[in-house]
Amino acid sequence: MTQAASSVTEAAIDAADLRRLRWRSRRGLLENDIIITRFLDRHATKLGHDDWTALQGLLELDDNTLLDLLLGTVEPSGTQFDPVTLRVLQLLRDDRG
């Protein structure tokens, strides 16, 4: 994909997509809510399409697994996640405090 095509794809994340993602990211554990909300507040406008896809994949995890990953009490195993997901996970971890 060319740089121009990549920019067009990344621009496809609009305000409605962000609202849907914020709603979807509401979790059963308050700690997850706080970390994810803080992350979205700081990074939502800077994320590319691949980042959004990675974040959505992380949101598919159950609450306790996600919290363990966010807090760093569990590290992803081997090939559990692709490099983009690992980068998004690190950004989430950086925003937890």
C-alpha atoms as a PDB file:
ATOM      1  CA  MET A   1       0.000   0.000   0.000  1.00  0.00           C
ATOM      2  CA  THR A   2       1.363   3.416  -0.892  1.00  0.00           C
ATOM      3  CA  GLN A   3       1.791   6.190   1.640  1.00  0.00           C
ATOM      4  CA  ALA A   4      -1.112   8.110   0.083  1.00  0.00           C
ATOM      5  CA  ALA A   5      -3.414   5.087   0.211  1.00  0.00           C
ATOM      6  CA  SER A   6      -2.376   4.457   3.810  1.00  0.00           C
ATOM      7  CA  SER A   7      -3.278   8.039   4.752  1.00  0.00           C
ATOM      8  CA  VAL A   8      -6.701   7.679   3.165  1.00  0.00           C
ATOM      9  CA  THR A   9      -7.320   4.448   5.064  1.00  0.00           C
ATOM     10  CA  GLU A  10      -6.184   6.009   8.330  1.00  0.00           C
ATOM     11  CA  ALA A  11      -8.440   9.021   7.785  1.00  0.00           C
ATOM     12  CA  ALA A  12     -11.416   6.677   7.601  1.00  0.00           C
ATOM     13  CA  ILE A  13     -11.521   6.566  11.419  1.00  0.00           C
ATOM     14  CA  ASP A  14     -14.071   9.289  12.080  1.00  0.00           C
ATOM     15  CA  ALA A  15     -15.951  10.656  15.082  1.00  0.00           C
ATOM     16  CA  ALA A  16     -18.715   8.054  14.749  1.00  0.00           C
ATOM     17  CA  ASP A  17     -16.145   5.230  14.752  1.00  0.00           C
ATOM     18  CA  LEU A  18     -14.562   6.712  17.852  1.00  0.00           C
ATOM     19  CA  ARG A  19     -17.935   6.940  19.634  1.00  0.00           C
ATOM     20  CA  ARG A  20     -18.644   3.296  18.791  1.00  0.00           C
ATOM     21  CA  LEU A  21     -15.224   2.224  20.024  1.00  0.00           C
ATOM     22  CA  ARG A  22     -15.604   4.201  23.261  1.00  0.00           C
ATOM     23  CA  TRP A  23     -18.968   2.516  23.861  1.00  0.00           C
ATOM     24  CA  ARG A  24     -17.556  -0.911  23.051  1.00  0.00           C
ATOM     25  CA  SER A  25     -14.578  -0.369  25.340  1.00  0.00           C
ATOM     26  CA  ARG A  26     -16.778   0.002  28.424  1.00  0.00           C
ATOM     27  CA  ARG A  27     -15.747  -2.956  30.521  1.00  0.00           C
ATOM     28  CA  GLY A  28     -16.936  -4.835  33.573  1.00  0.00           C
ATOM     29  CA  LEU A  29     -13.777  -3.892  35.462  1.00  0.00           C
ATOM     30  CA  LEU A  30     -13.401  -0.213  36.299  1.00  0.00           C
ATOM     31  CA  GLU A  31      -9.627  -0.451  35.999  1.00  0.00           C
ATOM     32  CA  ASN A  32      -9.931  -1.454  32.338  1.00  0.00           C
ATOM     33  CA  ASP A  33     -12.386   1.395  31.716  1.00  0.00           C
ATOM     34  CA  ILE A  34      -9.996   3.944  33.181  1.00  0.00           C
ATOM     35  CA  ILE A  35      -6.942   2.721  31.261  1.00  0.00           C
ATOM     36  CA  ILE A  36      -8.755   2.434  27.935  1.00  0.00           C
ATOM     37  CA  THR A  37     -10.526   5.794  28.309  1.00  0.00           C
ATOM     38  CA  ARG A  38      -7.247   7.526  29.181  1.00  0.00           C
ATOM     39  CA  PHE A  39      -5.623   5.872  26.166  1.00  0.00           C
ATOM     40  CA  LEU A  40      -8.394   6.989  23.816  1.00  0.00           C
ATOM     41  CA  ASP A  41      -8.317  10.531  25.211  1.00  0.00           C
ATOM     42  CA  ARG A  42      -4.597  10.788  24.494  1.00  0.00           C
ATOM     43  CA  HIS A  43      -4.163   8.789  21.302  1.00  0.00           C
ATOM     44  CA  ALA A  44      -7.455   8.383  19.413  1.00  0.00           C
ATOM     45  CA  THR A  45      -6.748  11.050  16.816  1.00  0.00           C
ATOM     46  CA  LYS A  46      -3.219   9.736  16.174  1.00  0.00           C
ATOM     47  CA  LEU A  47      -4.079   6.070  15.611  1.00  0.00           C
ATOM     48  CA  GLY A  48      -3.994   4.506  12.178  1.00  0.00           C
ATOM     49  CA  HIS A  49      -6.334   1.859  10.847  1.00  0.00           C
ATOM     50  CA  ASP A  50      -4.029  -0.992  11.907  1.00  0.00           C
ATOM     51  CA  ASP A  51      -3.887   0.443  15.436  1.00  0.00           C
ATOM     52  CA  TRP A  52      -7.690   0.539  15.605  1.00  0.00           C
ATOM     53  CA  THR A  53      -7.866  -3.058  14.425  1.00  0.00           C
ATOM     54  CA  ALA A  54      -5.305  -4.089  17.051  1.00  0.00           C
ATOM     55  CA  LEU A  55      -7.217  -2.278  19.793  1.00  0.00           C
ATOM     56  CA  GLN A  56     -10.446  -3.978  18.756  1.00  0.00           C
ATOM     57  CA  GLY A  57      -8.672  -7.327  18.949  1.00  0.00           C
ATOM     58  CA  LEU A  58      -7.514  -6.556  22.481  1.00  0.00           C
ATOM     59  CA  LEU A  59     -11.075  -5.624  23.420  1.00  0.00           C
ATOM     60  CA  GLU A  60     -12.154  -9.138  22.410  1.00  0.00           C
ATOM     61  CA  LEU A  61     -10.246 -10.514  25.410  1.00  0.00           C
ATOM     62  CA  ASP A  62     -12.106 -11.212  28.632  1.00  0.00           C
ATOM     63  CA  ASP A  63     -11.823  -8.516  31.305  1.00  0.00           C
ATOM     64  CA  ASN A  64      -9.409 -10.339  33.611  1.00  0.00           C
ATOM     65  CA  THR A  65      -7.022 -11.332  30.810  1.00  0.00           C
ATOM     66  CA  LEU A  66      -7.058  -7.791  29.447  1.00  0.00           C
ATOM     67  CA  LEU A  67      -6.386  -6.313  32.883  1.00  0.00           C
ATOM     68  CA  ASP A  68      -3.477  -8.695  33.467  1.00  0.00           C
ATOM     69  CA  LEU A  69      -1.973  -7.638  30.132  1.00  0.00           C
ATOM     70  CA  LEU A  70      -2.555  -3.944  30.787  1.00  0.00           C
ATOM     71  CA  LEU A  71      -0.985  -4.100  34.238  1.00  0.00           C
ATOM     72  CA  GLY A  72       1.922  -6.172  32.987  1.00  0.00           C
ATOM     73  CA  THR A  73       1.299  -9.006  35.433  1.00  0.00           C
ATOM     74  CA  VAL A  74       1.141 -11.297  32.392  1.00  0.00           C
ATOM     75  CA  GLU A  75       3.240 -10.894  29.267  1.00  0.00           C
ATOM     76  CA  PRO A  76       1.946 -11.961  25.842  1.00  0.00           C
ATOM     77  CA  SER A  77       3.253 -15.380  24.935  1.00  0.00           C
ATOM     78  CA  GLY A  78       5.319 -16.024  21.816  1.00  0.00           C
ATOM     79  CA  THR A  79       3.221 -15.230  18.788  1.00  0.00           C
ATOM     80  CA  GLN A  80       0.023 -14.383  20.671  1.00  0.00           C
ATOM     81  CA  PHE A  81      -0.075 -10.895  19.134  1.00  0.00           C
ATOM     82  CA  ASP A  82       1.333  -9.259  16.019  1.00  0.00           C
ATOM     83  CA  PRO A  83       3.795  -6.328  16.309  1.00  0.00           C
ATOM     84  CA  VAL A  84       1.063  -3.687  15.889  1.00  0.00           C
ATOM     85  CA  THR A  85      -0.993  -5.179  18.726  1.00  0.00           C
ATOM     86  CA  LEU A  86       2.091  -5.338  20.935  1.00  0.00           C
ATOM     87  CA  ARG A  87       2.759  -1.648  20.219  1.00  0.00           C
ATOM     88  CA  VAL A  88      -0.833  -0.683  21.045  1.00  0.00           C
ATOM     89  CA  LEU A  89      -0.636  -2.783  24.222  1.00  0.00           C
ATOM     90  CA  GLN A  90       2.519  -0.898  25.214  1.00  0.00           C
ATOM     91  CA  LEU A  91       0.765   2.433  24.609  1.00  0.00           C
ATOM     92  CA  LEU A  92      -2.107   1.275  26.801  1.00  0.00           C
ATOM     93  CA  ARG A  93       0.355   0.266  29.514  1.00  0.00           C
ATOM     94  CA  ASP A  94       2.098   3.630  29.290  1.00  0.00           C
ATOM     95  CA  ASP A  95      -1.240   5.420  29.867  1.00  0.00           C
ATOM     96  CA  ARG A  96      -2.330   3.477  32.919  1.00  0.00           C
ATOM     97  CA  GLY A  97      -0.847   5.867  35.439  1.00  0.00           C
END
